[in-house]
Amino acid sequence: MSTRNEQVSLKIHIMELLKDKLFNGISLEIIKEDYKDGLYFPFTIYLRISNHNDHKKKIRVDIKYISTKHGLKTRGCLYGEFIPDNSFVDLDIGFKDITAAFNGDRIELDLNEGKLASLRLLRERGQWIIVESTERSTYNRELKSKIEHFEAIEEQFGITLQSFSVKVEDESSLKLFCEVLALNGEIPENDFTINIAIYDNNNDIVYTDSEPRYAEDFKGFEVLTFESIRLDITVDEISKIRIYPTR
């Protein structure tokens, strides 16, 4: 049985137009098809990726074209950048040998390497229909295991940090929670600050934040919340989250 911290996918078999489907605020539409003789990639599909969210989104697209006449034509990563909020990008995707799209042709699309969605499209009556959609209803939420804290440093401040949890808002934003307790029930005499640092897969710090606490206001127990953490990477690219106190 799945837990709420596991990545969950929803596999749907449905006949729906590609342009009518939203994937976590992202829509796709094949706005044009074109053939130009003499080119290395004579047949081109123009794919529009629209971000309907109020914050930027990082989108990677991988595509396979399965032609009824020419077989499999594969293109690798076609886009892997951020799309600004309430904006779009148009991609022109060329294929060898193909002269036109025919009924029965298929397209397989992976968004963010399948972490956002995987689609199978069918060409039918001149339109691209979604025949299978595997959508990620949650993102990788195993971030709790990536949290690091330092008991020896916490002891120097007379506190202990525990009960860490993460709430993923979408693929590039999250909230972080933890309990702050007075060590051995003795309330610290000095002010302190709880800091967080988030690292990417290259071990570079991509986000920092801090929450100061005054000794006169701290009663020995508090649930600390770091809200609206928006990253320039996806949550799957987080290598570790460090939480530690300073003066």
C-alpha atoms as a PDB file:
ATOM      1  CA  MET A   1       0.000   0.000   0.000  1.00  0.00           C
ATOM      2  CA  SER A   2       1.302   3.472  -0.852  1.00  0.00           C
ATOM      3  CA  THR A   3       2.050   6.009   1.847  1.00  0.00           C
ATOM      4  CA  ARG A   4       1.618   9.729   1.475  1.00  0.00           C
ATOM      5  CA  ASN A   5       5.414  10.098   1.376  1.00  0.00           C
ATOM      6  CA  GLU A   6       5.792   7.814  -1.638  1.00  0.00           C
ATOM      7  CA  GLN A   7       5.680   8.947  -5.230  1.00  0.00           C
ATOM      8  CA  VAL A   8       2.259   8.070  -6.563  1.00  0.00           C
ATOM      9  CA  SER A   9       1.260   7.862 -10.216  1.00  0.00           C
ATOM     10  CA  LEU A  10      -2.168   7.834 -11.770  1.00  0.00           C
ATOM     11  CA  LYS A  11      -2.502   5.968 -15.061  1.00  0.00           C
ATOM     12  CA  ILE A  12      -5.423   7.115 -17.150  1.00  0.00           C
ATOM     13  CA  HIS A  13      -6.726   5.698 -20.433  1.00  0.00           C
ATOM     14  CA  ILE A  14      -8.733   8.537 -21.937  1.00  0.00           C
ATOM     15  CA  MET A  15      -9.547  10.072 -25.301  1.00  0.00           C
ATOM     16  CA  GLU A  16      -8.853  13.772 -24.779  1.00  0.00           C
ATOM     17  CA  LEU A  17      -7.355  16.491 -26.949  1.00  0.00           C
ATOM     18  CA  LEU A  18      -3.784  17.340 -25.961  1.00  0.00           C
ATOM     19  CA  LYS A  19      -4.464  21.084 -25.857  1.00  0.00           C
ATOM     20  CA  ASP A  20      -7.295  20.600 -23.322  1.00  0.00           C
ATOM     21  CA  LYS A  21      -5.174  18.864 -20.673  1.00  0.00           C
ATOM     22  CA  LEU A  22      -3.381  20.552 -17.745  1.00  0.00           C
ATOM     23  CA  PHE A  23      -0.448  18.968 -15.880  1.00  0.00           C
ATOM     24  CA  ASN A  24       0.115  20.865 -12.639  1.00  0.00           C
ATOM     25  CA  GLY A  25      -0.528  24.159 -14.402  1.00  0.00           C
ATOM     26  CA  ILE A  26       1.346  23.181 -17.588  1.00  0.00           C
ATOM     27  CA  SER A  27      -0.377  22.671 -20.943  1.00  0.00           C
ATOM     28  CA  LEU A  28       0.913  21.337 -24.270  1.00  0.00           C
ATOM     29  CA  GLU A  29      -0.389  22.015 -27.760  1.00  0.00           C
ATOM     30  CA  ILE A  30       0.842  21.023 -31.210  1.00  0.00           C
ATOM     31  CA  ILE A  31       0.117  24.310 -32.950  1.00  0.00           C
ATOM     32  CA  LYS A  32       1.508  23.486 -36.392  1.00  0.00           C
ATOM     33  CA  GLU A  33       3.012  20.765 -38.601  1.00  0.00           C
ATOM     34  CA  ASP A  34       5.232  21.538 -41.560  1.00  0.00           C
ATOM     35  CA  TYR A  35       7.182  19.729 -44.292  1.00  0.00           C
ATOM     36  CA  LYS A  36      10.099  21.272 -46.205  1.00  0.00           C
ATOM     37  CA  ASP A  37      11.818  19.096 -48.779  1.00  0.00           C
ATOM     38  CA  GLY A  38      15.605  19.015 -48.806  1.00  0.00           C
ATOM     39  CA  LEU A  39      16.151  19.547 -45.081  1.00  0.00           C
ATOM     40  CA  TYR A  40      17.897  17.030 -42.813  1.00  0.00           C
ATOM     41  CA  PHE A  41      14.757  17.129 -40.620  1.00  0.00           C
ATOM     42  CA  PRO A  42      12.103  17.812 -43.279  1.00  0.00           C
ATOM     43  CA  PHE A  43       9.056  17.224 -41.070  1.00  0.00           C
ATOM     44  CA  THR A  44       8.598  19.599 -38.133  1.00  0.00           C
ATOM     45  CA  ILE A  45       6.124  19.648 -35.269  1.00  0.00           C
ATOM     46  CA  TYR A  46       5.698  22.934 -33.436  1.00  0.00           C
ATOM     47  CA  LEU A  47       4.964  22.263 -29.764  1.00  0.00           C
ATOM     48  CA  ARG A  48       3.795  25.051 -27.450  1.00  0.00           C
ATOM     49  CA  ILE A  49       4.431  24.589 -23.719  1.00  0.00           C
ATOM     50  CA  SER A  50       2.426  27.032 -21.586  1.00  0.00           C
ATOM     51  CA  ASN A  51       2.942  27.775 -17.902  1.00  0.00           C
ATOM     52  CA  HIS A  52      -0.357  28.921 -16.376  1.00  0.00           C
ATOM     53  CA  ASN A  53       1.077  29.214 -12.859  1.00  0.00           C
ATOM     54  CA  ASP A  54       1.961  32.429 -11.033  1.00  0.00           C
ATOM     55  CA  HIS A  55       5.600  31.306 -10.682  1.00  0.00           C
ATOM     56  CA  LYS A  56       8.189  29.952 -13.100  1.00  0.00           C
ATOM     57  CA  LYS A  57       8.381  26.233 -13.859  1.00  0.00           C
ATOM     58  CA  LYS A  58      11.305  24.119 -15.013  1.00  0.00           C
ATOM     59  CA  ILE A  59      10.173  21.801 -17.795  1.00  0.00           C
ATOM     60  CA  ARG A  60      12.107  19.122 -19.667  1.00  0.00           C
ATOM     61  CA  VAL A  61      10.562  17.434 -22.706  1.00  0.00           C
ATOM     62  CA  ASP A  62      11.588  14.128 -24.307  1.00  0.00           C
ATOM     63  CA  ILE A  63       9.733  12.871 -27.369  1.00  0.00           C
ATOM     64  CA  LYS A  64       9.379   9.761 -29.529  1.00  0.00           C
ATOM     65  CA  TYR A  65       7.498   9.783 -32.828  1.00  0.00           C
ATOM     66  CA  ILE A  66       6.170   6.425 -34.040  1.00  0.00           C
ATOM     67  CA  SER A  67       5.241   6.746 -37.697  1.00  0.00           C
ATOM     68  CA  THR A  68       2.978   4.198 -39.354  1.00  0.00           C
ATOM     69  CA  LYS A  69       5.192   4.434 -42.469  1.00  0.00           C
ATOM     70  CA  HIS A  70       8.694   5.074 -41.090  1.00  0.00           C
ATOM     71  CA  GLY A  71       8.721   3.525 -37.621  1.00  0.00           C
ATOM     72  CA  LEU A  72      10.326   4.975 -34.501  1.00  0.00           C
ATOM     73  CA  LYS A  73      11.971   8.402 -34.573  1.00  0.00           C
ATOM     74  CA  THR A  74      13.465   9.503 -31.268  1.00  0.00           C
ATOM     75  CA  ARG A  75      14.520  12.946 -30.092  1.00  0.00           C
ATOM     76  CA  GLY A  76      16.247  13.438 -26.744  1.00  0.00           C
ATOM     77  CA  CYS A  77      15.891  16.321 -24.308  1.00  0.00           C
ATOM     78  CA  LEU A  78      14.328  19.151 -26.310  1.00  0.00           C
ATOM     79  CA  TYR A  79      13.931  21.650 -23.518  1.00  0.00           C
ATOM     80  CA  GLY A  80      15.135  21.808 -19.937  1.00  0.00           C
ATOM     81  CA  GLU A  81      14.769  25.393 -18.820  1.00  0.00           C
ATOM     82  CA  PHE A  82      12.443  27.511 -16.703  1.00  0.00           C
ATOM     83  CA  ILE A  83       9.331  28.938 -18.318  1.00  0.00           C
ATOM     84  CA  PRO A  84       8.313  32.289 -16.763  1.00  0.00           C
ATOM     85  CA  ASP A  85       4.983  32.564 -14.976  1.00  0.00           C
ATOM     86  CA  ASN A  86       1.940  32.941 -17.229  1.00  0.00           C
ATOM     87  CA  SER A  87       4.064  32.561 -20.343  1.00  0.00           C
ATOM     88  CA  PHE A  88       4.946  29.955 -22.962  1.00  0.00           C
ATOM     89  CA  VAL A  89       7.715  28.644 -25.192  1.00  0.00           C
ATOM     90  CA  ASP A  90       7.380  27.261 -28.719  1.00  0.00           C
ATOM     91  CA  LEU A  91       9.596  24.338 -29.752  1.00  0.00           C
ATOM     92  CA  ASP A  92      10.164  23.287 -33.346  1.00  0.00           C
ATOM     93  CA  ILE A  93      10.896  19.546 -33.346  1.00  0.00           C
ATOM     94  CA  GLY A  94      12.232  18.069 -36.560  1.00  0.00           C
ATOM     95  CA  PHE A  95      12.187  14.411 -37.694  1.00  0.00           C
ATOM     96  CA  LYS A  96      14.005  12.560 -40.484  1.00  0.00           C
ATOM     97  CA  ASP A  97      12.263  10.717 -43.334  1.00  0.00           C
ATOM     98  CA  ILE A  98       8.709  11.703 -42.323  1.00  0.00           C
ATOM     99  CA  THR A  99       6.782  13.792 -44.863  1.00  0.00           C
ATOM    100  CA  ALA A 100       3.521  14.288 -42.971  1.00  0.00           C
ATOM    101  CA  ALA A 101       1.520  13.140 -39.957  1.00  0.00           C
ATOM    102  CA  PHE A 102      -0.945  10.374 -40.779  1.00  0.00           C
ATOM    103  CA  ASN A 103      -3.840   8.923 -38.843  1.00  0.00           C
ATOM    104  CA  GLY A 104      -2.470   6.126 -36.685  1.00  0.00           C
ATOM    105  CA  ASP A 105       0.850   7.883 -35.988  1.00  0.00           C
ATOM    106  CA  ARG A 106       1.789   8.052 -32.320  1.00  0.00           C
ATOM    107  CA  ILE A 107       3.805  10.369 -30.095  1.00  0.00           C
ATOM    108  CA  GLU A 108       5.228   9.526 -26.670  1.00  0.00           C
ATOM    109  CA  LEU A 109       6.061  12.516 -24.460  1.00  0.00           C
ATOM    110  CA  ASP A 110       7.852  12.589 -21.087  1.00  0.00           C
ATOM    111  CA  LEU A 111       7.675  15.740 -18.996  1.00  0.00           C
ATOM    112  CA  ASN A 112      10.541  16.129 -16.517  1.00  0.00           C
ATOM    113  CA  GLU A 113      11.677  12.566 -17.263  1.00  0.00           C
ATOM    114  CA  GLY A 114       8.216  11.272 -16.383  1.00  0.00           C
ATOM    115  CA  LYS A 115       8.206  12.869 -12.926  1.00  0.00           C
ATOM    116  CA  LEU A 116       5.497  15.309 -14.017  1.00  0.00           C
ATOM    117  CA  ALA A 117       3.714  13.206 -16.644  1.00  0.00           C
ATOM    118  CA  SER A 118       4.142  10.648 -19.426  1.00  0.00           C
ATOM    119  CA  LEU A 119       1.792  10.765 -22.411  1.00  0.00           C
ATOM    120  CA  ARG A 120       0.885   8.620 -25.407  1.00  0.00           C
ATOM    121  CA  LEU A 121      -0.784  10.509 -28.232  1.00  0.00           C
ATOM    122  CA  LEU A 122      -2.600   9.135 -31.265  1.00  0.00           C
ATOM    123  CA  ARG A 123      -3.173  10.927 -34.558  1.00  0.00           C
ATOM    124  CA  GLU A 124      -6.857  10.616 -35.324  1.00  0.00           C
ATOM    125  CA  ARG A 125      -8.955  12.592 -37.811  1.00  0.00           C
ATOM    126  CA  GLY A 126      -6.219  15.188 -38.140  1.00  0.00           C
ATOM    127  CA  GLN A 127      -5.899  15.812 -34.389  1.00  0.00           C
ATOM    128  CA  TRP A 128      -3.635  14.570 -31.602  1.00  0.00           C
ATOM    129  CA  ILE A 129      -5.611  12.669 -28.956  1.00  0.00           C
ATOM    130  CA  ILE A 130      -4.317  11.582 -25.526  1.00  0.00           C
ATOM    131  CA  VAL A 131      -4.847   7.812 -25.316  1.00  0.00           C
ATOM    132  CA  GLU A 132      -2.779   7.224 -22.178  1.00  0.00           C
ATOM    133  CA  SER A 133      -1.635   9.584 -19.447  1.00  0.00           C
ATOM    134  CA  THR A 134       0.534   8.693 -16.462  1.00  0.00           C
ATOM    135  CA  GLU A 135       0.520  11.667 -14.116  1.00  0.00           C
ATOM    136  CA  ARG A 136       2.437  12.154 -10.910  1.00  0.00           C
ATOM    137  CA  SER A 137      -0.069  13.176  -8.268  1.00  0.00           C
ATOM    138  CA  THR A 138       2.783  13.868  -5.860  1.00  0.00           C
ATOM    139  CA  TYR A 139       6.464  14.539  -6.259  1.00  0.00           C
ATOM    140  CA  ASN A 140       9.371  12.783  -4.625  1.00  0.00           C
ATOM    141  CA  ARG A 141       8.592  13.329  -0.962  1.00  0.00           C
ATOM    142  CA  GLU A 142      11.426  11.323   0.486  1.00  0.00           C
ATOM    143  CA  LEU A 143      13.086  14.603   1.437  1.00  0.00           C
ATOM    144  CA  LYS A 144      12.817  13.850   5.135  1.00  0.00           C
ATOM    145  CA  SER A 145      15.714  11.403   4.795  1.00  0.00           C
ATOM    146  CA  LYS A 146      17.812  14.226   3.317  1.00  0.00           C
ATOM    147  CA  ILE A 147      17.483  16.456   6.389  1.00  0.00           C
ATOM    148  CA  GLU A 148      20.654  16.814   8.438  1.00  0.00           C
ATOM    149  CA  HIS A 149      21.002  18.436  11.866  1.00  0.00           C
ATOM    150  CA  PHE A 150      23.822  18.598  14.385  1.00  0.00           C
ATOM    151  CA  GLU A 151      23.068  17.529  17.941  1.00  0.00           C
ATOM    152  CA  ALA A 152      26.462  18.663  19.259  1.00  0.00           C
ATOM    153  CA  ILE A 153      25.863  22.202  18.008  1.00  0.00           C
ATOM    154  CA  GLU A 154      22.286  22.202  19.309  1.00  0.00           C
ATOM    155  CA  GLU A 155      23.533  21.255  22.783  1.00  0.00           C
ATOM    156  CA  GLN A 156      25.738  24.351  22.822  1.00  0.00           C
ATOM    157  CA  PHE A 157      22.594  26.459  22.477  1.00  0.00           C
ATOM    158  CA  GLY A 158      20.602  24.477  25.032  1.00  0.00           C
ATOM    159  CA  ILE A 159      18.062  23.206  22.503  1.00  0.00           C
ATOM    160  CA  THR A 160      17.251  20.115  20.480  1.00  0.00           C
ATOM    161  CA  LEU A 161      15.617  19.939  17.032  1.00  0.00           C
ATOM    162  CA  GLN A 162      13.308  17.024  16.206  1.00  0.00           C
ATOM    163  CA  SER A 163      10.158  15.838  14.382  1.00  0.00           C
ATOM    164  CA  PHE A 164      11.195  17.165  10.986  1.00  0.00           C
ATOM    165  CA  SER A 165       8.674  17.095   8.157  1.00  0.00           C
ATOM    166  CA  VAL A 166       8.410  18.394   4.621  1.00  0.00           C
ATOM    167  CA  LYS A 167       5.372  19.387   2.576  1.00  0.00           C
ATOM    168  CA  VAL A 168       6.037  19.582  -1.161  1.00  0.00           C
ATOM    169  CA  GLU A 169       3.856  22.249  -2.764  1.00  0.00           C
ATOM    170  CA  ASP A 170       4.936  21.499  -6.325  1.00  0.00           C
ATOM    171  CA  GLU A 171       8.062  20.398  -8.163  1.00  0.00           C
ATOM    172  CA  SER A 172      10.086  23.464  -7.116  1.00  0.00           C
ATOM    173  CA  SER A 173       8.583  24.684  -3.848  1.00  0.00           C
ATOM    174  CA  LEU A 174       8.067  23.273  -0.370  1.00  0.00           C
ATOM    175  CA  LYS A 175       7.455  23.957   3.310  1.00  0.00           C
ATOM    176  CA  LEU A 176       9.634  22.720   6.159  1.00  0.00           C
ATOM    177  CA  PHE A 177       8.624  22.053   9.778  1.00  0.00           C
ATOM    178  CA  CYS A 178      10.449  21.034  12.941  1.00  0.00           C
ATOM    179  CA  GLU A 179      10.068  21.118  16.701  1.00  0.00           C
ATOM    180  CA  VAL A 180      12.403  23.187  18.871  1.00  0.00           C
ATOM    181  CA  LEU A 181      12.688  21.997  22.478  1.00  0.00           C
ATOM    182  CA  ALA A 182      14.650  23.232  25.461  1.00  0.00           C
ATOM    183  CA  LEU A 183      17.383  20.718  26.257  1.00  0.00           C
ATOM    184  CA  ASN A 184      16.639  18.826  29.493  1.00  0.00           C
ATOM    185  CA  GLY A 185      13.756  21.199  30.141  1.00  0.00           C
ATOM    186  CA  GLU A 186      16.082  24.149  30.828  1.00  0.00           C
ATOM    187  CA  ILE A 187      15.117  27.219  28.807  1.00  0.00           C
ATOM    188  CA  PRO A 188      18.202  28.823  27.195  1.00  0.00           C
ATOM    189  CA  GLU A 189      19.274  32.203  28.512  1.00  0.00           C
ATOM    190  CA  ASN A 190      20.450  33.611  25.169  1.00  0.00           C
ATOM    191  CA  ASP A 191      18.735  34.411  21.889  1.00  0.00           C
ATOM    192  CA  PHE A 192      19.279  31.997  19.007  1.00  0.00           C
ATOM    193  CA  THR A 193      18.480  31.628  15.307  1.00  0.00           C
ATOM    194  CA  ILE A 194      17.440  28.498  13.427  1.00  0.00           C
ATOM    195  CA  ASN A 195      18.896  28.369   9.921  1.00  0.00           C
ATOM    196  CA  ILE A 196      18.279  26.168   6.903  1.00  0.00           C
ATOM    197  CA  ALA A 197      20.495  25.548   3.873  1.00  0.00           C
ATOM    198  CA  ILE A 198      19.353  23.560   0.836  1.00  0.00           C
ATOM    199  CA  TYR A 199      21.895  21.950  -1.498  1.00  0.00           C
ATOM    200  CA  ASP A 200      21.619  20.676  -5.065  1.00  0.00           C
ATOM    201  CA  ASN A 201      23.187  17.558  -6.572  1.00  0.00           C
ATOM    202  CA  ASN A 202      26.453  19.447  -7.112  1.00  0.00           C
ATOM    203  CA  ASN A 203      26.599  20.203  -3.378  1.00  0.00           C
ATOM    204  CA  ASP A 204      26.010  23.892  -4.101  1.00  0.00           C
ATOM    205  CA  ILE A 205      23.819  25.895  -1.732  1.00  0.00           C
ATOM    206  CA  VAL A 206      20.720  26.993  -3.643  1.00  0.00           C
ATOM    207  CA  TYR A 207      18.589  28.357  -0.798  1.00  0.00           C
ATOM    208  CA  THR A 208      19.019  29.724   2.728  1.00  0.00           C
ATOM    209  CA  ASP A 209      16.647  31.116   5.326  1.00  0.00           C
ATOM    210  CA  SER A 210      16.643  31.842   9.042  1.00  0.00           C
ATOM    211  CA  GLU A 211      14.192  32.300  11.910  1.00  0.00           C
ATOM    212  CA  PRO A 212      15.421  34.250  14.970  1.00  0.00           C
ATOM    213  CA  ARG A 213      14.112  33.382  18.427  1.00  0.00           C
ATOM    214  CA  TYR A 214      14.451  35.557  21.533  1.00  0.00           C
ATOM    215  CA  ALA A 215      15.141  33.873  24.828  1.00  0.00           C
ATOM    216  CA  GLU A 216      12.487  35.919  26.636  1.00  0.00           C
ATOM    217  CA  ASP A 217       9.820  34.684  24.194  1.00  0.00           C
ATOM    218  CA  PHE A 218      10.875  31.042  23.998  1.00  0.00           C
ATOM    219  CA  LYS A 219       8.948  28.927  26.513  1.00  0.00           C
ATOM    220  CA  GLY A 220      10.767  25.664  25.930  1.00  0.00           C
ATOM    221  CA  PHE A 221       8.767  24.271  23.018  1.00  0.00           C
ATOM    222  CA  GLU A 222       7.800  25.560  19.603  1.00  0.00           C
ATOM    223  CA  VAL A 223       6.930  24.235  16.164  1.00  0.00           C
ATOM    224  CA  LEU A 224       9.009  26.148  13.629  1.00  0.00           C
ATOM    225  CA  THR A 225       7.772  26.625  10.060  1.00  0.00           C
ATOM    226  CA  PHE A 226       9.714  27.709   6.992  1.00  0.00           C
ATOM    227  CA  GLU A 227       7.034  28.640   4.482  1.00  0.00           C
ATOM    228  CA  SER A 228       7.052  29.526   0.791  1.00  0.00           C
ATOM    229  CA  ILE A 229      10.433  28.001  -0.017  1.00  0.00           C
ATOM    230  CA  ARG A 230      10.741  28.495  -3.780  1.00  0.00           C
ATOM    231  CA  LEU A 231      13.753  26.977  -5.499  1.00  0.00           C
ATOM    232  CA  ASP A 232      15.525  27.411  -8.820  1.00  0.00           C
ATOM    233  CA  ILE A 233      15.778  23.614  -8.994  1.00  0.00           C
ATOM    234  CA  THR A 234      13.193  20.856  -8.709  1.00  0.00           C
ATOM    235  CA  VAL A 235      12.727  19.072  -5.387  1.00  0.00           C
ATOM    236  CA  ASP A 236      14.145  15.920  -6.973  1.00  0.00           C
ATOM    237  CA  GLU A 237      17.462  17.742  -7.414  1.00  0.00           C
ATOM    238  CA  ILE A 238      17.828  18.436  -3.680  1.00  0.00           C
ATOM    239  CA  SER A 239      20.741  16.476  -2.225  1.00  0.00           C
ATOM    240  CA  LYS A 240      20.402  17.582   1.408  1.00  0.00           C
ATOM    241  CA  ILE A 241      18.733  20.047   3.757  1.00  0.00           C
ATOM    242  CA  ARG A 242      20.703  21.252   6.763  1.00  0.00           C
ATOM    243  CA  ILE A 243      19.062  22.769   9.839  1.00  0.00           C
ATOM    244  CA  TYR A 244      21.253  24.302  12.529  1.00  0.00           C
ATOM    245  CA  PRO A 245      21.288  27.012  15.221  1.00  0.00           C
ATOM    246  CA  THR A 246      23.442  30.153  15.392  1.00  0.00           C
ATOM    247  CA  ARG A 247      23.470  33.242  17.609  1.00  0.00           C
END
